[in-house]
N, C-alpha and C. Protein backbone atom coordinates (compact mmCIF):
# COMPACT_ATOMS: atom_id res chain seq x y z
N UNK A 1 32.83 77.59 97.12
CA UNK A 1 33.50 78.61 97.91
C UNK A 1 32.59 79.83 98.02
N UNK A 2 32.55 80.41 99.18
CA UNK A 2 31.70 81.57 99.45
C UNK A 2 32.17 82.78 98.65
N UNK A 3 31.21 83.63 98.26
CA UNK A 3 31.50 84.88 97.58
C UNK A 3 30.67 85.97 98.25
N UNK A 4 31.35 87.01 98.73
CA UNK A 4 30.71 88.08 99.48
C UNK A 4 30.75 89.36 98.65
N UNK A 5 29.56 89.90 98.37
CA UNK A 5 29.43 91.09 97.54
C UNK A 5 28.60 92.15 98.25
N UNK A 6 28.83 93.38 97.91
CA UNK A 6 28.05 94.53 98.34
C UNK A 6 28.45 95.02 99.73
N UNK A 7 27.74 96.04 100.18
CA UNK A 7 28.00 96.68 101.48
C UNK A 7 26.67 96.87 102.18
N UNK A 8 26.62 96.48 103.47
CA UNK A 8 25.40 96.57 104.27
C UNK A 8 25.76 97.16 105.63
N UNK A 9 24.91 98.02 106.15
CA UNK A 9 25.11 98.57 107.49
C UNK A 9 23.92 98.15 108.36
N UNK A 10 24.23 97.54 109.51
CA UNK A 10 23.20 97.07 110.44
C UNK A 10 23.47 97.60 111.83
N UNK A 11 22.41 97.74 112.60
CA UNK A 11 22.50 98.20 113.99
C UNK A 11 23.13 97.13 114.87
N UNK A 12 23.87 97.57 115.87
CA UNK A 12 24.42 96.70 116.91
C UNK A 12 23.59 96.97 118.17
N UNK A 13 23.02 95.91 118.77
CA UNK A 13 22.20 96.14 119.96
C UNK A 13 23.07 96.24 121.21
N UNK A 14 22.44 96.52 122.34
CA UNK A 14 23.17 96.74 123.60
C UNK A 14 23.93 95.50 124.07
N UNK A 15 23.54 94.32 123.58
CA UNK A 15 24.24 93.07 123.95
C UNK A 15 25.38 92.75 122.98
N UNK A 16 25.62 93.65 122.02
CA UNK A 16 26.70 93.44 121.05
C UNK A 16 26.32 92.54 119.89
N UNK A 17 25.02 92.31 119.71
CA UNK A 17 24.56 91.46 118.61
C UNK A 17 24.31 92.31 117.37
N UNK A 18 24.66 91.74 116.23
CA UNK A 18 24.42 92.40 114.95
C UNK A 18 23.95 91.35 113.96
N UNK A 19 22.99 91.73 113.14
CA UNK A 19 22.47 90.83 112.12
C UNK A 19 23.46 90.76 110.96
N UNK A 20 23.83 89.56 110.59
CA UNK A 20 24.69 89.36 109.42
C UNK A 20 23.79 89.46 108.19
N UNK A 21 24.18 90.24 107.19
CA UNK A 21 23.32 90.40 106.01
C UNK A 21 22.93 89.04 105.41
N UNK A 22 21.68 88.93 104.99
CA UNK A 22 21.17 87.67 104.45
C UNK A 22 22.03 87.11 103.30
N UNK A 23 22.51 87.94 102.35
CA UNK A 23 23.37 87.37 101.30
C UNK A 23 24.68 86.78 101.86
N UNK A 24 25.20 87.36 102.93
CA UNK A 24 26.42 86.82 103.53
C UNK A 24 26.11 85.50 104.23
N UNK A 25 24.98 85.45 104.95
CA UNK A 25 24.58 84.19 105.60
C UNK A 25 24.38 83.10 104.56
N UNK A 26 23.76 83.44 103.43
CA UNK A 26 23.54 82.46 102.37
C UNK A 26 24.88 81.94 101.82
N UNK A 27 25.86 82.81 101.71
CA UNK A 27 27.18 82.40 101.21
C UNK A 27 27.89 81.49 102.20
N UNK A 28 27.52 81.56 103.47
CA UNK A 28 28.17 80.77 104.52
C UNK A 28 27.49 79.41 104.76
N UNK A 29 26.40 79.15 104.07
CA UNK A 29 25.68 77.87 104.22
C UNK A 29 26.54 76.73 103.70
N UNK A 30 26.44 75.59 104.35
CA UNK A 30 27.11 74.39 103.85
C UNK A 30 28.46 74.11 104.48
N UNK A 31 28.91 74.94 105.40
CA UNK A 31 30.17 74.63 106.07
C UNK A 31 29.87 73.80 107.32
N UNK A 32 30.91 73.41 108.04
CA UNK A 32 30.73 72.49 109.16
C UNK A 32 30.18 73.13 110.43
N UNK A 33 29.87 74.41 110.42
CA UNK A 33 29.17 75.05 111.54
C UNK A 33 28.37 76.23 111.01
N UNK A 34 27.35 76.62 111.73
CA UNK A 34 26.43 77.66 111.29
C UNK A 34 26.90 79.01 111.84
N UNK A 35 27.83 79.62 111.15
CA UNK A 35 28.37 80.89 111.59
C UNK A 35 29.49 81.34 110.68
N UNK A 36 30.38 82.16 111.25
CA UNK A 36 31.50 82.70 110.49
C UNK A 36 32.75 82.71 111.36
N UNK A 37 33.87 82.91 110.73
CA UNK A 37 35.16 83.06 111.41
C UNK A 37 35.54 84.53 111.31
N UNK A 38 36.07 85.09 112.41
CA UNK A 38 36.45 86.50 112.42
C UNK A 38 37.75 86.69 113.19
N UNK A 39 38.52 87.69 112.78
CA UNK A 39 39.73 88.09 113.50
C UNK A 39 40.03 89.55 113.18
N UNK A 40 40.85 90.17 114.03
CA UNK A 40 41.24 91.57 113.82
C UNK A 40 42.13 91.68 112.59
N UNK A 41 41.80 92.63 111.72
CA UNK A 41 42.68 92.91 110.60
C UNK A 41 44.00 93.44 111.16
N UNK A 42 45.10 92.98 110.64
CA UNK A 42 46.38 93.50 111.15
C UNK A 42 46.85 94.71 110.36
N UNK A 43 46.09 95.11 109.33
CA UNK A 43 46.46 96.28 108.55
C UNK A 43 45.46 97.42 108.65
N UNK A 44 44.22 97.10 109.00
CA UNK A 44 43.15 98.09 108.96
C UNK A 44 42.34 98.07 110.25
N UNK A 45 41.63 99.15 110.56
CA UNK A 45 40.76 99.17 111.74
C UNK A 45 39.44 98.47 111.43
N UNK A 46 39.51 97.19 111.12
CA UNK A 46 38.35 96.42 110.69
C UNK A 46 38.48 94.99 111.21
N UNK A 47 37.36 94.27 111.12
CA UNK A 47 37.31 92.86 111.46
C UNK A 47 37.27 92.07 110.15
N UNK A 48 38.13 91.08 110.02
CA UNK A 48 38.12 90.20 108.85
C UNK A 48 37.12 89.09 109.10
N UNK A 49 36.30 88.77 108.10
CA UNK A 49 35.32 87.70 108.20
C UNK A 49 35.42 86.75 107.02
N UNK A 50 35.19 85.47 107.27
CA UNK A 50 35.32 84.47 106.23
C UNK A 50 34.65 83.18 106.64
N UNK A 51 34.59 82.23 105.71
CA UNK A 51 34.05 80.92 106.03
C UNK A 51 35.20 79.98 106.41
N UNK A 52 34.86 78.81 106.90
CA UNK A 52 35.88 77.88 107.36
C UNK A 52 36.75 77.36 106.21
N UNK A 53 36.18 77.20 105.03
CA UNK A 53 36.97 76.72 103.89
C UNK A 53 38.09 77.71 103.56
N UNK A 54 37.80 78.98 103.60
CA UNK A 54 38.84 79.99 103.33
C UNK A 54 39.87 79.98 104.46
N UNK A 55 39.40 79.80 105.69
CA UNK A 55 40.34 79.74 106.83
C UNK A 55 41.27 78.54 106.67
N UNK A 56 40.75 77.44 106.16
CA UNK A 56 41.60 76.27 105.90
C UNK A 56 42.64 76.58 104.83
N UNK A 57 42.26 77.38 103.81
CA UNK A 57 43.24 77.79 102.81
C UNK A 57 44.33 78.66 103.45
N UNK A 58 43.94 79.54 104.36
CA UNK A 58 44.93 80.34 105.08
C UNK A 58 45.90 79.42 105.81
N UNK A 59 45.36 78.39 106.45
CA UNK A 59 46.19 77.45 107.20
C UNK A 59 47.17 76.72 106.27
N UNK A 60 46.67 76.28 105.12
CA UNK A 60 47.55 75.61 104.15
C UNK A 60 48.66 76.54 103.68
N UNK A 61 48.33 77.80 103.48
CA UNK A 61 49.35 78.78 103.07
C UNK A 61 50.37 79.00 104.17
N UNK A 62 49.91 79.05 105.43
CA UNK A 62 50.83 79.20 106.56
C UNK A 62 51.72 77.97 106.68
N UNK A 63 51.18 76.81 106.37
CA UNK A 63 51.97 75.57 106.42
C UNK A 63 53.10 75.56 105.40
N UNK A 64 52.97 76.35 104.35
CA UNK A 64 54.01 76.43 103.33
C UNK A 64 55.22 77.24 103.81
N UNK A 65 55.04 78.02 104.88
CA UNK A 65 56.16 78.77 105.46
C UNK A 65 57.03 77.84 106.29
N UNK A 66 58.28 78.19 106.46
CA UNK A 66 59.17 77.38 107.28
C UNK A 66 58.66 77.36 108.71
N UNK A 67 58.46 76.14 109.23
CA UNK A 67 57.97 75.98 110.59
C UNK A 67 58.93 76.66 111.57
N UNK A 68 58.40 77.42 112.50
CA UNK A 68 59.14 78.15 113.52
C UNK A 68 59.93 79.34 112.98
N UNK A 69 59.76 79.66 111.68
CA UNK A 69 60.40 80.87 111.15
C UNK A 69 59.66 82.07 111.72
N UNK A 70 60.30 83.22 111.63
CA UNK A 70 59.67 84.45 112.12
C UNK A 70 58.37 84.73 111.36
N UNK A 71 58.38 84.49 110.03
CA UNK A 71 57.18 84.72 109.23
C UNK A 71 56.04 83.81 109.69
N UNK A 72 56.35 82.54 109.92
CA UNK A 72 55.33 81.59 110.38
C UNK A 72 54.80 82.00 111.74
N UNK A 73 55.69 82.36 112.64
CA UNK A 73 55.27 82.76 113.99
C UNK A 73 54.39 84.01 113.94
N UNK A 74 54.79 84.99 113.12
CA UNK A 74 54.02 86.23 113.04
C UNK A 74 52.63 86.01 112.43
N UNK A 75 52.57 85.27 111.34
CA UNK A 75 51.28 85.02 110.68
C UNK A 75 50.35 84.21 111.57
N UNK A 76 50.85 83.15 112.17
CA UNK A 76 49.96 82.32 112.99
C UNK A 76 49.51 83.05 114.25
N UNK A 77 50.39 83.86 114.85
CA UNK A 77 49.99 84.63 116.03
C UNK A 77 49.00 85.73 115.67
N UNK A 78 49.15 86.29 114.48
CA UNK A 78 48.30 87.40 114.06
C UNK A 78 46.93 86.93 113.60
N UNK A 79 46.88 85.81 112.90
CA UNK A 79 45.61 85.36 112.33
C UNK A 79 44.96 84.27 113.19
N UNK A 80 45.61 83.14 113.33
CA UNK A 80 44.96 81.98 113.94
C UNK A 80 44.75 82.12 115.44
N UNK A 81 45.70 82.70 116.14
CA UNK A 81 45.54 82.87 117.59
C UNK A 81 44.44 83.88 117.91
N UNK A 82 44.14 84.75 116.97
CA UNK A 82 43.16 85.81 117.16
C UNK A 82 41.77 85.43 116.65
N UNK A 83 41.69 84.39 115.81
CA UNK A 83 40.43 84.03 115.15
C UNK A 83 39.44 83.40 116.11
N UNK A 84 38.16 83.72 115.90
CA UNK A 84 37.07 83.14 116.69
C UNK A 84 35.97 82.69 115.74
N UNK A 85 35.30 81.61 116.13
CA UNK A 85 34.11 81.17 115.42
C UNK A 85 32.92 81.85 116.07
N UNK A 86 32.12 82.53 115.27
CA UNK A 86 30.96 83.25 115.77
C UNK A 86 29.70 82.59 115.21
N UNK A 87 28.97 81.83 116.03
CA UNK A 87 27.77 81.15 115.55
C UNK A 87 26.61 82.13 115.36
N UNK A 88 25.74 81.81 114.40
CA UNK A 88 24.52 82.59 114.21
C UNK A 88 23.50 82.16 115.26
N UNK A 89 22.74 83.13 115.76
CA UNK A 89 21.60 82.77 116.60
C UNK A 89 20.41 82.50 115.69
N UNK A 90 19.24 82.23 116.25
CA UNK A 90 18.06 81.90 115.47
C UNK A 90 17.60 82.99 114.54
N UNK A 91 18.06 84.23 114.76
CA UNK A 91 17.67 85.36 113.92
C UNK A 91 18.78 85.81 112.97
N UNK A 92 19.84 85.01 112.85
CA UNK A 92 20.92 85.35 111.93
C UNK A 92 21.88 86.39 112.45
N UNK A 93 21.92 86.54 113.79
CA UNK A 93 22.83 87.52 114.39
C UNK A 93 24.07 86.81 114.95
N UNK A 94 25.12 87.58 115.12
CA UNK A 94 26.31 87.14 115.83
C UNK A 94 26.55 88.10 116.99
N UNK A 95 27.30 87.65 117.98
CA UNK A 95 27.74 88.53 119.06
C UNK A 95 29.20 88.86 118.77
N UNK A 96 29.47 90.14 118.60
CA UNK A 96 30.84 90.58 118.33
C UNK A 96 31.62 90.62 119.64
N UNK A 97 32.73 89.87 119.74
CA UNK A 97 33.55 89.93 120.95
C UNK A 97 34.12 91.33 121.17
N UNK A 98 34.28 91.70 122.43
CA UNK A 98 34.70 93.06 122.77
C UNK A 98 36.04 93.44 122.16
N UNK A 99 36.99 92.50 122.09
CA UNK A 99 38.30 92.86 121.51
C UNK A 99 38.17 93.20 120.03
N UNK A 100 37.25 92.57 119.32
CA UNK A 100 37.04 92.90 117.91
C UNK A 100 36.33 94.25 117.76
N UNK A 101 35.33 94.47 118.62
CA UNK A 101 34.61 95.74 118.62
C UNK A 101 35.57 96.90 118.89
N UNK A 102 36.41 96.73 119.92
CA UNK A 102 37.37 97.78 120.27
C UNK A 102 38.35 98.05 119.13
N UNK A 103 38.84 97.00 118.51
CA UNK A 103 39.80 97.15 117.41
C UNK A 103 39.20 97.96 116.26
N UNK A 104 37.95 97.66 115.89
CA UNK A 104 37.32 98.32 114.75
C UNK A 104 36.62 99.63 115.13
N UNK A 105 36.48 99.91 116.43
CA UNK A 105 35.81 101.13 116.85
C UNK A 105 34.31 101.11 116.59
N UNK A 106 33.74 99.92 116.57
CA UNK A 106 32.31 99.77 116.29
C UNK A 106 31.51 100.16 117.52
N UNK A 107 30.42 100.91 117.29
CA UNK A 107 29.55 101.27 118.41
C UNK A 107 28.10 100.93 118.08
N UNK A 108 27.35 101.81 117.52
CA UNK A 108 25.92 101.60 117.30
C UNK A 108 25.59 100.85 116.01
N UNK A 109 26.48 100.87 115.03
CA UNK A 109 26.26 100.23 113.75
C UNK A 109 27.53 99.57 113.26
N UNK A 110 27.36 98.57 112.42
CA UNK A 110 28.49 97.87 111.81
C UNK A 110 28.23 97.75 110.31
N UNK A 111 29.25 98.03 109.52
CA UNK A 111 29.15 97.93 108.08
C UNK A 111 29.86 96.67 107.62
N UNK A 112 29.13 95.80 106.92
CA UNK A 112 29.66 94.55 106.36
C UNK A 112 30.05 94.85 104.91
N UNK A 113 31.30 94.58 104.57
CA UNK A 113 31.85 94.95 103.28
C UNK A 113 32.33 93.70 102.55
N UNK A 114 31.65 93.38 101.44
CA UNK A 114 32.06 92.23 100.64
C UNK A 114 33.41 92.48 99.99
N UNK A 115 34.25 91.44 100.02
CA UNK A 115 35.59 91.53 99.42
C UNK A 115 35.89 90.28 98.60
N UNK A 116 34.86 89.75 97.96
CA UNK A 116 35.06 88.52 97.19
C UNK A 116 34.95 87.31 98.09
N UNK A 117 36.05 86.62 98.31
CA UNK A 117 36.02 85.40 99.10
C UNK A 117 36.10 85.64 100.60
N UNK A 118 36.24 86.91 100.99
CA UNK A 118 36.20 87.28 102.40
C UNK A 118 35.34 88.54 102.52
N UNK A 119 35.13 88.99 103.76
CA UNK A 119 34.45 90.25 103.98
C UNK A 119 35.08 90.93 105.19
N UNK A 120 34.72 92.17 105.39
CA UNK A 120 35.18 92.92 106.56
C UNK A 120 33.98 93.54 107.26
N UNK A 121 34.17 93.83 108.55
CA UNK A 121 33.17 94.53 109.34
C UNK A 121 33.85 95.80 109.87
N UNK A 122 33.25 96.95 109.59
CA UNK A 122 33.83 98.25 109.89
C UNK A 122 32.87 99.10 110.71
N UNK A 123 33.41 100.11 111.36
CA UNK A 123 32.62 101.22 111.87
C UNK A 123 32.26 102.02 110.62
N UNK A 124 30.97 102.33 110.40
CA UNK A 124 30.55 102.91 109.13
C UNK A 124 31.34 104.12 108.65
N UNK A 125 31.58 105.10 109.50
CA UNK A 125 32.32 106.29 109.08
C UNK A 125 33.75 105.98 108.68
N UNK A 126 34.38 105.08 109.41
CA UNK A 126 35.76 104.70 109.05
C UNK A 126 35.80 104.02 107.68
N UNK A 127 34.78 103.19 107.39
CA UNK A 127 34.78 102.56 106.07
C UNK A 127 34.57 103.58 104.96
N UNK A 128 33.66 104.51 105.16
CA UNK A 128 33.44 105.54 104.13
C UNK A 128 34.74 106.28 103.82
N UNK A 129 35.47 106.65 104.87
CA UNK A 129 36.76 107.33 104.67
C UNK A 129 37.74 106.44 103.92
N UNK A 130 37.86 105.17 104.36
CA UNK A 130 38.78 104.24 103.73
C UNK A 130 38.42 104.02 102.26
N UNK A 131 37.13 103.81 101.98
CA UNK A 131 36.72 103.54 100.61
C UNK A 131 37.03 104.73 99.70
N UNK A 132 36.79 105.94 100.20
CA UNK A 132 37.12 107.13 99.41
C UNK A 132 38.61 107.21 99.10
N UNK A 133 39.44 106.93 100.11
CA UNK A 133 40.88 106.96 99.92
C UNK A 133 41.33 105.84 98.97
N UNK A 134 40.73 104.66 99.09
CA UNK A 134 41.09 103.53 98.23
C UNK A 134 40.74 103.84 96.77
N UNK A 135 39.57 104.43 96.55
CA UNK A 135 39.18 104.79 95.19
C UNK A 135 40.16 105.81 94.60
N UNK A 136 40.54 106.77 95.41
CA UNK A 136 41.48 107.79 94.95
C UNK A 136 42.84 107.17 94.61
N UNK A 137 43.35 106.29 95.48
CA UNK A 137 44.63 105.62 95.21
C UNK A 137 44.54 104.78 93.94
N UNK A 138 43.44 104.02 93.79
CA UNK A 138 43.28 103.16 92.60
C UNK A 138 43.26 104.00 91.33
N UNK A 139 42.53 105.11 91.38
CA UNK A 139 42.45 106.00 90.21
C UNK A 139 43.82 106.61 89.92
N UNK A 140 44.49 107.14 90.95
CA UNK A 140 45.78 107.80 90.76
C UNK A 140 46.85 106.85 90.25
N UNK A 141 46.77 105.59 90.67
CA UNK A 141 47.77 104.60 90.25
C UNK A 141 47.37 103.89 88.95
N UNK A 142 46.17 104.17 88.46
CA UNK A 142 45.70 103.52 87.23
C UNK A 142 45.57 102.02 87.40
N UNK A 143 45.14 101.57 88.57
CA UNK A 143 45.05 100.14 88.83
C UNK A 143 44.08 99.46 87.88
N UNK A 144 44.44 98.26 87.48
CA UNK A 144 43.56 97.41 86.67
C UNK A 144 43.55 96.02 87.29
N UNK A 145 42.66 95.19 86.83
CA UNK A 145 42.54 93.83 87.33
C UNK A 145 42.64 92.88 86.16
N UNK A 146 43.66 92.05 86.17
CA UNK A 146 43.84 91.06 85.11
C UNK A 146 43.05 89.82 85.50
N UNK A 147 42.12 89.43 84.65
CA UNK A 147 41.31 88.24 84.94
C UNK A 147 42.11 86.98 84.66
N UNK A 148 42.04 86.06 85.60
CA UNK A 148 42.68 84.76 85.43
C UNK A 148 41.72 83.85 84.68
N UNK A 149 42.24 83.01 83.82
CA UNK A 149 41.34 82.07 83.11
C UNK A 149 40.63 81.18 84.11
N UNK A 150 39.34 80.96 83.88
CA UNK A 150 38.55 80.10 84.76
C UNK A 150 38.66 78.65 84.35
N UNK A 151 37.96 77.80 85.08
CA UNK A 151 37.95 76.37 84.80
C UNK A 151 37.47 76.09 83.38
N UNK A 152 36.51 76.90 82.90
CA UNK A 152 35.94 76.67 81.58
C UNK A 152 36.42 77.70 80.55
N UNK A 153 37.63 78.23 80.77
CA UNK A 153 38.23 79.15 79.82
C UNK A 153 37.95 80.60 80.13
N UNK A 154 38.48 81.48 79.29
CA UNK A 154 38.27 82.92 79.47
C UNK A 154 36.83 83.29 79.22
N UNK A 155 36.38 84.29 79.94
CA UNK A 155 35.02 84.81 79.73
C UNK A 155 35.11 86.27 79.45
């Protein structure tokens, strides 16, 4: 399973192409196509990015909802109907579709933000603001992270 770490900011050219950071491309190797899956975040002014295996997990989770329920309809319309496969070109770039660019407010640069098994693409200034607010909320709420035991026990 892919793991996306760190934060990278890359230029977007006039054709809407942006280089995907090399560590992210490396994490995406081995899936059934040479690229990534992306859709508009429904909570944030960002683009959600992931590999096909994670998208399949999303699908399995949606399948656990009651078919034709409001929850199922909302999730599938929000995620799957909006998702696009973005292939890498020979230089490791993707072309960001205009609806995703507009949603995130991306113009000259795009910030790729690792989030573990997924990542996001932001307009750099918006991410800086969001990250500052997130850090403040985490600190104020005293958030902690409970580690789940791994396959080979606690570490």
